[in-house]
Amino acid sequence: MSPLTFQTTFAPEIDLSSVLLVCNRIWRPETAPTSQSAQIPHEMVAAVTVPKPPGQVTEISKGGYSLEDVLQWPDGQYTKVQV
């Protein structure tokens, strides 16, 4: 009995060195403004970065953290942005 053989031919790889692989965009939170004066111009919205706490997210019993607690967003905002 002869062994089974299998041969695969792959297409050449695409050179991705000239392609922008990372894009960083900061989105403003969606809110329903109460009045025209309550709207903040896009230029005035500051980018906020939250430093990563020690440990792993959701591994609270092993020294980790809850992302919802770290972000400290208003009630319901965290649930709205979950995918």
C-alpha atoms as a PDB file:
ATOM      1  CA  MET A   1       0.000   0.000   0.000  1.00  0.00           C
ATOM      2  CA  SER A   2       1.434   3.401  -0.986  1.00  0.00           C
ATOM      3  CA  PRO A   3       1.163   6.507   1.222  1.00  0.00           C
ATOM      4  CA  LEU A   4      -1.262   9.251   0.263  1.00  0.00           C
ATOM      5  CA  THR A   5       0.314  12.469  -0.893  1.00  0.00           C
ATOM      6  CA  PHE A   6      -1.127  15.931  -1.102  1.00  0.00           C
ATOM      7  CA  GLN A   7       0.350  18.953  -2.851  1.00  0.00           C
ATOM      8  CA  THR A   8      -0.814  22.552  -2.436  1.00  0.00           C
ATOM      9  CA  THR A   9       0.271  25.546  -4.439  1.00  0.00           C
ATOM     10  CA  PHE A  10      -0.113  28.930  -2.775  1.00  0.00           C
ATOM     11  CA  ALA A  11      -0.413  32.258  -4.538  1.00  0.00           C
ATOM     12  CA  PRO A  12       2.482  34.688  -4.023  1.00  0.00           C
ATOM     13  CA  GLU A  13       2.201  36.827  -0.908  1.00  0.00           C
ATOM     14  CA  ILE A  14       1.203  40.452  -1.288  1.00  0.00           C
ATOM     15  CA  ASP A  15       3.762  43.033  -0.179  1.00  0.00           C
ATOM     16  CA  LEU A  16       2.035  44.949   2.600  1.00  0.00           C
ATOM     17  CA  SER A  17       4.976  47.183   3.492  1.00  0.00           C
ATOM     18  CA  SER A  18       3.474  50.118   1.610  1.00  0.00           C
ATOM     19  CA  VAL A  19      -0.035  49.670   3.033  1.00  0.00           C
ATOM     20  CA  LEU A  20      -1.095  51.546   6.145  1.00  0.00           C
ATOM     21  CA  LEU A  21      -1.997  48.747   8.553  1.00  0.00           C
ATOM     22  CA  VAL A  22      -2.970  50.788  11.591  1.00  0.00           C
ATOM     23  CA  CYS A  23      -5.503  53.575  11.744  1.00  0.00           C
ATOM     24  CA  ASN A  24      -6.283  55.454  14.938  1.00  0.00           C
ATOM     25  CA  ARG A  25      -9.503  57.467  15.128  1.00  0.00           C
ATOM     26  CA  ILE A  26     -11.046  58.891  18.250  1.00  0.00           C
ATOM     27  CA  TRP A  27     -14.841  58.960  18.168  1.00  0.00           C
ATOM     28  CA  ARG A  28     -16.834  61.430  20.193  1.00  0.00           C
ATOM     29  CA  PRO A  29     -19.569  59.937  22.397  1.00  0.00           C
ATOM     30  CA  GLU A  30     -23.038  60.222  20.934  1.00  0.00           C
ATOM     31  CA  THR A  31     -25.288  62.392  23.056  1.00  0.00           C
ATOM     32  CA  ALA A  32     -28.577  64.105  22.510  1.00  0.00           C
ATOM     33  CA  PRO A  33     -27.876  67.814  23.065  1.00  0.00           C
ATOM     34  CA  THR A  34     -30.456  69.665  25.141  1.00  0.00           C
ATOM     35  CA  SER A  35     -29.796  72.954  23.401  1.00  0.00           C
ATOM     36  CA  GLN A  36     -27.603  74.486  20.707  1.00  0.00           C
ATOM     37  CA  SER A  37     -25.321  75.987  23.361  1.00  0.00           C
ATOM     38  CA  ALA A  38     -24.769  72.533  24.905  1.00  0.00           C
ATOM     39  CA  GLN A  39     -22.972  71.262  21.794  1.00  0.00           C
ATOM     40  CA  ILE A  40     -19.189  71.145  22.064  1.00  0.00           C
ATOM     41  CA  PRO A  41     -17.217  71.753  18.859  1.00  0.00           C
ATOM     42  CA  HIS A  42     -15.192  68.758  17.658  1.00  0.00           C
ATOM     43  CA  GLU A  43     -11.949  70.732  17.995  1.00  0.00           C
ATOM     44  CA  MET A  44     -12.549  71.215  21.727  1.00  0.00           C
ATOM     45  CA  VAL A  45     -13.114  67.530  22.524  1.00  0.00           C
ATOM     46  CA  ALA A  46      -9.958  66.256  24.227  1.00  0.00           C
ATOM     47  CA  ALA A  47      -8.610  62.792  23.537  1.00  0.00           C
ATOM     48  CA  VAL A  48      -8.549  60.830  26.785  1.00  0.00           C
ATOM     49  CA  THR A  49      -6.391  57.765  27.256  1.00  0.00           C
ATOM     50  CA  VAL A  50      -7.032  55.444  30.163  1.00  0.00           C
ATOM     51  CA  PRO A  51      -3.850  53.674  31.311  1.00  0.00           C
ATOM     52  CA  LYS A  52      -4.089  49.880  31.518  1.00  0.00           C
ATOM     53  CA  PRO A  53      -4.352  48.733  35.127  1.00  0.00           C
ATOM     54  CA  PRO A  54      -2.263  45.783  36.341  1.00  0.00           C
ATOM     55  CA  GLY A  55      -3.638  42.312  35.718  1.00  0.00           C
ATOM     56  CA  GLN A  56      -5.995  40.918  33.120  1.00  0.00           C
ATOM     57  CA  VAL A  57      -9.417  42.309  32.299  1.00  0.00           C
ATOM     58  CA  THR A  58     -12.276  40.274  33.866  1.00  0.00           C
ATOM     59  CA  GLU A  59      -9.804  38.224  35.975  1.00  0.00           C
ATOM     60  CA  ILE A  60     -10.786  40.051  39.162  1.00  0.00           C
ATOM     61  CA  SER A  61     -10.174  37.068  41.477  1.00  0.00           C
ATOM     62  CA  LYS A  62      -6.602  36.800  40.107  1.00  0.00           C
ATOM     63  CA  GLY A  63      -5.661  40.457  40.615  1.00  0.00           C
ATOM     64  CA  GLY A  64      -7.331  41.731  37.434  1.00  0.00           C
ATOM     65  CA  TYR A  65      -9.878  44.446  36.868  1.00  0.00           C
ATOM     66  CA  SER A  66     -13.320  45.230  35.503  1.00  0.00           C
ATOM     67  CA  LEU A  67     -13.144  47.402  32.378  1.00  0.00           C
ATOM     68  CA  GLU A  68     -16.490  48.987  33.235  1.00  0.00           C
ATOM     69  CA  ASP A  69     -15.150  50.067  36.645  1.00  0.00           C
ATOM     70  CA  VAL A  70     -11.901  51.431  35.188  1.00  0.00           C
ATOM     71  CA  LEU A  71     -13.633  53.518  32.491  1.00  0.00           C
ATOM     72  CA  GLN A  72     -16.044  55.104  35.001  1.00  0.00           C
ATOM     73  CA  TRP A  73     -18.538  55.996  32.263  1.00  0.00           C
ATOM     74  CA  PRO A  74     -22.052  57.255  33.056  1.00  0.00           C
ATOM     75  CA  ASP A  75     -24.689  54.612  33.826  1.00  0.00           C
ATOM     76  CA  GLY A  76     -25.668  52.624  30.734  1.00  0.00           C
ATOM     77  CA  GLN A  77     -22.919  54.024  28.458  1.00  0.00           C
ATOM     78  CA  TYR A  78     -20.703  50.921  28.781  1.00  0.00           C
ATOM     79  CA  THR A  79     -23.616  48.628  27.914  1.00  0.00           C
ATOM     80  CA  LYS A  80     -24.486  50.750  24.851  1.00  0.00           C
ATOM     81  CA  VAL A  81     -21.030  50.406  23.278  1.00  0.00           C
ATOM     82  CA  GLN A  82     -20.606  46.673  23.867  1.00  0.00           C
ATOM     83  CA  VAL A  83     -20.608  44.687  20.636  1.00  0.00           C
END
